[in-house]
Amino acid sequence: ADHARAVAKDRARHPLTGGMPVNITPCSYWKDEPAEPPTRITDEGPSNILMVQNLRDPATPYTDALRMRAALGRKA
């Protein structure tokens, strides 16, 4: 019910995308457990990481990109 309300609100607010950015993705129904443990992001490792992000990516918010950039330190 909460999800349906969120989609309806987004659809009214952004008719061009029709509620798509807040819709359920296929990953919501993924039944398997991860094959590997999550990778811990640190400032160790390659020193040439190229990060690409934009301000209007509904799947990966810009604030999360900034946090990732901070976690990578001088490596990104």
Foldseek 3Di string as FASTA:
>chain_A
DVLVVQQVVVCVVPVVCSSVLSDDDPVVPDDDDDPDPDDDQALDDAQADDDDDDCPDSVQHPVNVVVSDVRNPNSD
